[in-house]
PDB file of N, CA and C in Angstrom:
ATOM      1  N   UNK A   1      -4.912 -13.800   7.673  1.00  0.00           N
ATOM      2  CA  UNK A   1      -5.366 -12.980   6.741  1.00  0.00           C
ATOM      3  C   UNK A   1      -5.197 -11.416   7.176  1.00  0.00           C
ATOM      4  N   UNK A   2      -5.489 -11.137   8.397  1.00  0.00           N
ATOM      5  CA  UNK A   2      -5.231  -9.861   8.930  1.00  0.00           C
ATOM      6  C   UNK A   2      -3.730  -9.474   8.794  1.00  0.00           C
ATOM      7  N   UNK A   3      -2.887 -10.335   9.115  1.00  0.00           N
ATOM      8  CA  UNK A   3      -1.491 -10.105   9.083  1.00  0.00           C
ATOM      9  C   UNK A   3      -1.038  -9.710   7.672  1.00  0.00           C
ATOM     10  N   UNK A   4      -1.628 -10.448   6.601  1.00  0.00           N
ATOM     11  CA  UNK A   4      -1.203 -10.096   5.320  1.00  0.00           C
ATOM     12  C   UNK A   4      -1.673  -8.661   4.928  1.00  0.00           C
ATOM     13  N   UNK A   5      -2.953  -8.389   5.427  1.00  0.00           N
ATOM     14  CA  UNK A   5      -3.472  -7.059   5.081  1.00  0.00           C
ATOM     15  C   UNK A   5      -2.611  -6.028   5.740  1.00  0.00           C
ATOM     16  N   UNK A   6      -2.220  -6.207   6.946  1.00  0.00           N
ATOM     17  CA  UNK A   6      -1.268  -5.224   7.635  1.00  0.00           C
ATOM     18  C   UNK A   6       0.082  -5.076   6.989  1.00  0.00           C
ATOM     19  N   UNK A   7       0.475  -6.044   6.226  1.00  0.00           N
ATOM     20  CA  UNK A   7       1.630  -6.056   5.513  1.00  0.00           C
ATOM     21  C   UNK A   7       1.530  -5.190   4.307  1.00  0.00           C
ATOM     22  N   UNK A   8       0.344  -5.146   3.754  1.00  0.00           N
ATOM     23  CA  UNK A   8       0.022  -4.335   2.582  1.00  0.00           C
ATOM     24  C   UNK A   8      -0.416  -2.872   2.906  1.00  0.00           C
ATOM     25  N   UNK A   9      -1.138  -2.653   3.864  1.00  0.00           N
ATOM     26  CA  UNK A   9      -1.693  -1.361   4.200  1.00  0.00           C
ATOM     27  C   UNK A   9      -1.768  -1.191   5.719  1.00  0.00           C
ATOM     28  N   UNK A  10      -1.329  -0.014   6.136  1.00  0.00           N
ATOM     29  CA  UNK A  10      -1.524   0.466   7.502  1.00  0.00           C
ATOM     30  C   UNK A  10      -1.943   1.867   7.516  1.00  0.00           C
ATOM     31  N   UNK A  11      -2.593   2.300   8.552  1.00  0.00           N
ATOM     32  CA  UNK A  11      -3.097   3.755   8.617  1.00  0.00           C
ATOM     33  C   UNK A  11      -2.756   4.363   9.947  1.00  0.00           C
ATOM     34  N   UNK A  12      -2.531   5.689   9.886  1.00  0.00           N
ATOM     35  CA  UNK A  12      -2.373   6.562  11.039  1.00  0.00           C
ATOM     36  C   UNK A  12      -2.968   7.873  10.774  1.00  0.00           C
ATOM     37  N   UNK A  13      -4.020   8.108  11.612  1.00  0.00           N
ATOM     38  CA  UNK A  13      -4.864   9.265  11.240  1.00  0.00           C
ATOM     39  C   UNK A  13      -5.413   9.280   9.814  1.00  0.00           C
ATOM     40  N   UNK A  14      -5.154  10.276   9.042  1.00  0.00           N
ATOM     41  CA  UNK A  14      -5.628  10.342   7.757  1.00  0.00           C
ATOM     42  C   UNK A  14      -4.718   9.689   6.744  1.00  0.00           C
ATOM     43  N   UNK A  15      -3.518   9.405   7.161  1.00  0.00           N
ATOM     44  CA  UNK A  15      -2.448   8.827   6.176  1.00  0.00           C
ATOM     45  C   UNK A  15      -2.651   7.286   6.015  1.00  0.00           C
ATOM     46  N   UNK A  16      -2.541   6.895   4.852  1.00  0.00           N
ATOM     47  CA  UNK A  16      -2.613   5.463   4.396  1.00  0.00           C
ATOM     48  C   UNK A  16      -1.139   5.042   3.930  1.00  0.00           C
ATOM     49  N   UNK A  17      -0.515   4.109   4.649  1.00  0.00           N
ATOM     50  CA  UNK A  17       0.691   3.637   4.340  1.00  0.00           C
ATOM     51  C   UNK A  17       0.763   2.299   3.520  1.00  0.00           C
ATOM     52  N   UNK A  18       1.162   2.333   2.333  1.00  0.00           N
ATOM     53  CA  UNK A  18       1.025   1.321   1.492  1.00  0.00           C
ATOM     54  C   UNK A  18       2.364   0.445   1.299  1.00  0.00           C
ATOM     55  N   UNK A  19       2.222  -0.814   1.487  1.00  0.00           N
ATOM     56  CA  UNK A  19       3.343  -1.747   1.394  1.00  0.00           C
ATOM     57  C   UNK A  19       4.417  -1.542   2.477  1.00  0.00           C
ATOM     58  N   UNK A  20       3.914  -1.318   3.765  1.00  0.00           N
ATOM     59  CA  UNK A  20       4.979  -1.118   4.821  1.00  0.00           C
ATOM     60  C   UNK A  20       5.830  -2.355   5.163  1.00  0.00           C
ATOM     61  N   UNK A  21       5.295  -3.474   4.936  1.00  0.00           N
ATOM     62  CA  UNK A  21       6.097  -4.647   5.274  1.00  0.00           C
ATOM     63  C   UNK A  21       6.021  -5.794   4.164  1.00  0.00           C
ATOM     64  N   UNK A  22       5.576  -5.376   3.045  1.00  0.00           N
ATOM     65  CA  UNK A  22       5.500  -6.390   1.880  1.00  0.00           C
ATOM     66  C   UNK A  22       6.828  -6.732   1.180  1.00  0.00           C
ATOM     67  N   UNK A  23       7.123  -8.029   1.194  1.00  0.00           N
ATOM     68  CA  UNK A  23       8.397  -8.332   0.601  1.00  0.00           C
ATOM     69  C   UNK A  23       8.288  -8.097  -1.063  1.00  0.00           C
ATOM     70  N   UNK A  24       9.314  -7.511  -1.527  1.00  0.00           N
ATOM     71  CA  UNK A  24       9.315  -7.326  -2.980  1.00  0.00           C
ATOM     72  C   UNK A  24       9.228  -8.536  -3.776  1.00  0.00           C
ATOM     73  N   UNK A  25       9.618  -9.688  -3.332  1.00  0.00           N
ATOM     74  CA  UNK A  25       9.587 -10.850  -4.132  1.00  0.00           C
ATOM     75  C   UNK A  25       8.255 -11.460  -4.207  1.00  0.00           C
ATOM     76  N   UNK A  26       7.276 -11.050  -3.489  1.00  0.00           N
ATOM     77  CA  UNK A  26       5.934 -11.511  -3.431  1.00  0.00           C
ATOM     78  C   UNK A  26       4.921 -10.801  -4.333  1.00  0.00           C
ATOM     79  N   UNK A  27       4.439 -11.306  -5.407  1.00  0.00           N
ATOM     80  CA  UNK A  27       3.425 -10.682  -6.302  1.00  0.00           C
ATOM     81  C   UNK A  27       2.101 -10.840  -5.569  1.00  0.00           C
ATOM     82  N   UNK A  28       1.185  -9.767  -5.842  1.00  0.00           N
ATOM     83  CA  UNK A  28      -0.053  -9.838  -5.132  1.00  0.00           C
ATOM     84  C   UNK A  28      -1.008  -8.823  -5.959  1.00  0.00           C
ATOM     85  N   UNK A  29      -2.296  -9.273  -5.966  1.00  0.00           N
ATOM     86  CA  UNK A  29      -3.364  -8.308  -6.348  1.00  0.00           C
ATOM     87  C   UNK A  29      -4.173  -8.060  -5.107  1.00  0.00           C
ATOM     88  N   UNK A  30      -4.441  -6.819  -4.822  1.00  0.00           N
ATOM     89  CA  UNK A  30      -5.178  -6.426  -3.609  1.00  0.00           C
ATOM     90  C   UNK A  30      -6.324  -5.362  -3.825  1.00  0.00           C
ATOM     91  N   UNK A  31      -7.260  -5.415  -3.013  1.00  0.00           N
ATOM     92  CA  UNK A  31      -8.337  -4.417  -2.874  1.00  0.00           C
ATOM     93  C   UNK A  31      -8.686  -4.395  -1.479  1.00  0.00           C
ATOM     94  N   UNK A  32      -8.344  -3.286  -0.725  1.00  0.00           N
ATOM     95  CA  UNK A  32      -8.502  -3.178   0.625  1.00  0.00           C
ATOM     96  C   UNK A  32      -9.243  -1.870   1.028  1.00  0.00           C
ATOM     97  N   UNK A  33      -9.948  -1.979   2.068  1.00  0.00           N
ATOM     98  CA  UNK A  33     -10.782  -0.822   2.575  1.00  0.00           C
ATOM     99  C   UNK A  33      -9.952  -0.101   3.622  1.00  0.00           C
ATOM    100  N   UNK A  34     -10.007   1.145   3.619  1.00  0.00           N
ATOM    101  CA  UNK A  34      -9.304   2.044   4.606  1.00  0.00           C
ATOM    102  C   UNK A  34     -10.315   3.009   5.235  1.00  0.00           C
ATOM    103  N   UNK A  35      -9.908   3.669   6.293  1.00  0.00           N
ATOM    104  CA  UNK A  35     -10.820   4.604   6.857  1.00  0.00           C
ATOM    105  C   UNK A  35     -11.313   5.609   5.939  1.00  0.00           C
ATOM    106  N   UNK A  36     -12.419   6.279   6.255  1.00  0.00           N
ATOM    107  CA  UNK A  36     -12.861   7.394   5.296  1.00  0.00           C
ATOM    108  C   UNK A  36     -13.465   6.738   4.125  1.00  0.00           C
ATOM    109  N   UNK A  37     -14.172   5.648   4.203  1.00  0.00           N
ATOM    110  CA  UNK A  37     -14.849   5.140   2.999  1.00  0.00           C
ATOM    111  C   UNK A  37     -13.859   5.043   1.790  1.00  0.00           C
ATOM    112  N   UNK A  38     -12.577   4.749   2.054  1.00  0.00           N
ATOM    113  CA  UNK A  38     -11.602   4.632   1.032  1.00  0.00           C
ATOM    114  C   UNK A  38     -11.272   3.282   0.668  1.00  0.00           C
ATOM    115  N   UNK A  39     -11.161   2.899  -0.635  1.00  0.00           N
ATOM    116  CA  UNK A  39     -10.711   1.615  -1.213  1.00  0.00           C
ATOM    117  C   UNK A  39      -9.394   1.849  -2.041  1.00  0.00           C
ATOM    118  N   UNK A  40      -8.494   1.046  -1.552  1.00  0.00           N
ATOM    119  CA  UNK A  40      -7.044   1.080  -2.266  1.00  0.00           C
ATOM    120  C   UNK A  40      -6.900  -0.254  -2.957  1.00  0.00           C
ATOM    121  N   UNK A  41      -6.694  -0.110  -4.289  1.00  0.00           N
ATOM    122  CA  UNK A  41      -6.590  -1.330  -5.090  1.00  0.00           C
ATOM    123  C   UNK A  41      -5.371  -1.245  -5.912  1.00  0.00           C
ATOM    124  N   UNK A  42      -4.576  -2.371  -6.125  1.00  0.00           N
ATOM    125  CA  UNK A  42      -3.529  -2.383  -7.082  1.00  0.00           C
ATOM    126  C   UNK A  42      -2.888  -3.733  -7.141  1.00  0.00           C
ATOM    127  N   UNK A  43      -1.631  -3.838  -7.713  1.00  0.00           N
ATOM    128  CA  UNK A  43      -0.956  -4.972  -7.960  1.00  0.00           C
ATOM    129  C   UNK A  43       0.459  -4.825  -7.738  1.00  0.00           C
ATOM    130  N   UNK A  44       1.201  -5.841  -7.158  1.00  0.00           N
ATOM    131  CA  UNK A  44       2.640  -5.897  -7.193  1.00  0.00           C
ATOM    132  C   UNK A  44       3.114  -7.020  -8.127  1.00  0.00           C
ATOM    133  N   UNK A  45       3.980  -6.697  -9.014  1.00  0.00           N
ATOM    134  CA  UNK A  45       4.518  -7.635  -9.917  1.00  0.00           C
ATOM    135  C   UNK A  45       6.031  -7.367 -10.087  1.00  0.00           C
ATOM    136  N   UNK A  46       6.826  -8.416  -9.833  1.00  0.00           N
ATOM    137  CA  UNK A  46       8.296  -8.257  -9.989  1.00  0.00           C
ATOM    138  C   UNK A  46       8.893  -7.198  -9.298  1.00  0.00           C
ATOM    139  N   UNK A  47       8.378  -6.989  -7.957  1.00  0.00           N
ATOM    140  CA  UNK A  47       8.944  -5.808  -7.169  1.00  0.00           C
ATOM    141  C   UNK A  47       8.469  -4.476  -7.403  1.00  0.00           C
ATOM    142  N   UNK A  48       7.521  -4.266  -8.265  1.00  0.00           N
ATOM    143  CA  UNK A  48       7.029  -3.009  -8.634  1.00  0.00           C
ATOM    144  C   UNK A  48       5.458  -2.928  -8.335  1.00  0.00           C
ATOM    145  N   UNK A  49       5.157  -1.843  -7.794  1.00  0.00           N
ATOM    146  CA  UNK A  49       3.663  -1.453  -7.646  1.00  0.00           C
ATOM    147  C   UNK A  49       3.094  -0.885  -8.976  1.00  0.00           C
ATOM    148  N   UNK A  50       2.075  -1.620  -9.496  1.00  0.00           N
ATOM    149  CA  UNK A  50       1.521  -1.208 -10.695  1.00  0.00           C
ATOM    150  C   UNK A  50      -0.063  -1.110 -10.564  1.00  0.00           C
ATOM    151  N   UNK A  51      -0.672  -0.258 -11.408  1.00  0.00           N
ATOM    152  CA  UNK A  51      -2.128  -0.255 -11.375  1.00  0.00           C
ATOM    153  C   UNK A  51      -2.815   0.244 -10.082  1.00  0.00           C
ATOM    154  N   UNK A  52      -2.206   1.222  -9.467  1.00  0.00           N
ATOM    155  CA  UNK A  52      -2.736   1.618  -8.093  1.00  0.00           C
ATOM    156  C   UNK A  52      -4.011   2.510  -8.389  1.00  0.00           C
ATOM    157  N   UNK A  53      -5.078   2.310  -7.646  1.00  0.00           N
ATOM    158  CA  UNK A  53      -6.284   3.088  -7.674  1.00  0.00           C
ATOM    159  C   UNK A  53      -6.692   3.293  -6.390  1.00  0.00           C
ATOM    160  N   UNK A  54      -7.057   4.652  -6.034  1.00  0.00           N
ATOM    161  CA  UNK A  54      -7.662   4.934  -4.791  1.00  0.00           C
ATOM    162  C   UNK A  54      -8.931   5.664  -4.979  1.00  0.00           C
ATOM    163  N   UNK A  55     -10.010   5.154  -4.234  1.00  0.00           N
ATOM    164  CA  UNK A  55     -11.314   5.616  -4.355  1.00  0.00           C
ATOM    165  C   UNK A  55     -11.851   6.086  -3.009  1.00  0.00           C
ATOM    166  N   UNK A  56     -12.275   7.332  -2.812  1.00  0.00           N
ATOM    167  CA  UNK A  56     -12.365   8.301  -3.877  1.00  0.00           C
ATOM    168  C   UNK A  56     -11.016   8.896  -4.080  1.00  0.00           C
ATOM    169  N   UNK A  57     -10.868   9.521  -5.387  1.00  0.00           N
ATOM    170  CA  UNK A  57      -9.603   9.911  -5.848  1.00  0.00           C
ATOM    171  C   UNK A  57      -9.106  11.083  -4.943  1.00  0.00           C
ATOM    172  N   UNK A  58      -9.985  11.688  -4.270  1.00  0.00           N
ATOM    173  CA  UNK A  58      -9.534  12.837  -3.341  1.00  0.00           C
ATOM    174  C   UNK A  58      -8.573  12.328  -2.201  1.00  0.00           C
ATOM    175  N   UNK A  59      -8.657  11.054  -1.910  1.00  0.00           N
ATOM    176  CA  UNK A  59      -7.794  10.559  -0.922  1.00  0.00           C
ATOM    177  C   UNK A  59      -6.412  10.017  -1.327  1.00  0.00           C
ATOM    178  N   UNK A  60      -6.196  10.187  -2.675  1.00  0.00           N
ATOM    179  CA  UNK A  60      -4.961   9.790  -3.254  1.00  0.00           C
ATOM    180  C   UNK A  60      -3.689  10.507  -2.590  1.00  0.00           C
ATOM    181  N   UNK A  61      -3.869  11.801  -2.207  1.00  0.00           N
ATOM    182  CA  UNK A  61      -2.838  12.339  -1.582  1.00  0.00           C
ATOM    183  C   UNK A  61      -2.521  12.011  -0.224  1.00  0.00           C
ATOM    184  N   UNK A  62      -3.377  11.148   0.406  1.00  0.00           N
ATOM    185  CA  UNK A  62      -3.053  10.654   1.702  1.00  0.00           C
ATOM    186  C   UNK A  62      -2.309   9.372   1.741  1.00  0.00           C
ATOM    187  N   UNK A  63      -2.052   8.805   0.516  1.00  0.00           N
ATOM    188  CA  UNK A  63      -1.429   7.536   0.399  1.00  0.00           C
ATOM    189  C   UNK A  63       0.058   7.701   0.243  1.00  0.00           C
ATOM    190  N   UNK A  64       0.863   6.959   1.075  1.00  0.00           N
ATOM    191  CA  UNK A  64       2.213   6.923   1.092  1.00  0.00           C
ATOM    192  C   UNK A  64       2.795   5.684   0.669  1.00  0.00           C
ATOM    193  N   UNK A  65       3.372   5.520  -0.439  1.00  0.00           N
ATOM    194  CA  UNK A  65       3.957   4.291  -0.855  1.00  0.00           C
ATOM    195  C   UNK A  65       5.396   4.047  -0.001  1.00  0.00           C
ATOM    196  N   UNK A  66       5.379   3.153   0.818  1.00  0.00           N
ATOM    197  CA  UNK A  66       6.480   3.004   1.673  1.00  0.00           C
ATOM    198  C   UNK A  66       7.760   2.546   0.853  1.00  0.00           C
ATOM    199  N   UNK A  67       7.507   1.900  -0.247  1.00  0.00           N
ATOM    200  CA  UNK A  67       8.742   1.593  -1.122  1.00  0.00           C
ATOM    201  C   UNK A  67       9.442   2.794  -1.733  1.00  0.00           C
ATOM    202  N   UNK A  68       8.778   3.892  -1.690  1.00  0.00           N
ATOM    203  CA  UNK A  68       9.368   5.054  -2.301  1.00  0.00           C
ATOM    204  C   UNK A  68       9.882   6.073  -1.233  1.00  0.00           C
ATOM    205  N   UNK A  69       9.876   5.752   0.020  1.00  0.00           N
ATOM    206  CA  UNK A  69      10.293   6.448   1.033  1.00  0.00           C
ATOM    207  C   UNK A  69      11.721   6.077   1.609  1.00  0.00           C
ATOM    208  N   UNK A  70      12.484   6.998   2.038  1.00  0.00           N
ATOM    209  CA  UNK A  70      13.875   6.594   2.762  1.00  0.00           C
ATOM    210  C   UNK A  70      13.441   5.802   3.981  1.00  0.00           C
ATOM    211  N   UNK A  71      14.209   4.686   4.105  1.00  0.00           N
ATOM    212  CA  UNK A  71      14.036   3.923   5.347  1.00  0.00           C
ATOM    213  C   UNK A  71      12.867   2.928   5.213  1.00  0.00           C
ATOM    214  N   UNK A  72      12.099   2.951   4.107  1.00  0.00           N
ATOM    215  CA  UNK A  72      10.933   2.090   3.858  1.00  0.00           C
ATOM    216  C   UNK A  72      11.539   0.692   3.333  1.00  0.00           C
ATOM    217  N   UNK A  73      10.618  -0.219   2.924  1.00  0.00           N
ATOM    218  CA  UNK A  73      10.966  -1.599   2.448  1.00  0.00           C
ATOM    219  C   UNK A  73      12.063  -1.430   1.361  1.00  0.00           C
ATOM    220  N   UNK A  74      12.001  -0.409   0.550  1.00  0.00           N
ATOM    221  CA  UNK A  74      12.863  -0.237  -0.574  1.00  0.00           C
ATOM    222  C   UNK A  74      14.368  -0.069  -0.040  1.00  0.00           C
ATOM    223  N   UNK A  75      14.561   0.614   1.002  1.00  0.00           N
ATOM    224  CA  UNK A  75      15.883   0.694   1.482  1.00  0.00           C
ATOM    225  C   UNK A  75      16.508  -0.578   1.904  1.00  0.00           C
ATOM    226  N   UNK A  76      15.677  -1.603   2.396  1.00  0.00           N
ATOM    227  CA  UNK A  76      16.272  -2.786   2.784  1.00  0.00           C
ATOM    228  C   UNK A  76      16.500  -3.740   1.658  1.00  0.00           C
ATOM    229  N   UNK A  77      15.936  -3.621   0.515  1.00  0.00           N
ATOM    230  CA  UNK A  77      16.019  -4.448  -0.556  1.00  0.00           C
ATOM    231  C   UNK A  77      16.446  -3.777  -1.722  1.00  0.00           C
TER     232      UNK A  77
END
């Protein structure tokens, strides 16, 4: 279970890295707790992240979708 959570979300300092090791072929619904009393919730369907919600909203700027960064999972697939 911890391994799957790490595939969905990792943190470093205040930054929350989303989908750092999640395969695009795998659909998932997730609700995970991150540092700073933060909850990150969303869905992956058909290789796309949909319905992303970050609580509190003020932490949204700390979330990095690794599928949208150069060198992230998107670059491999």
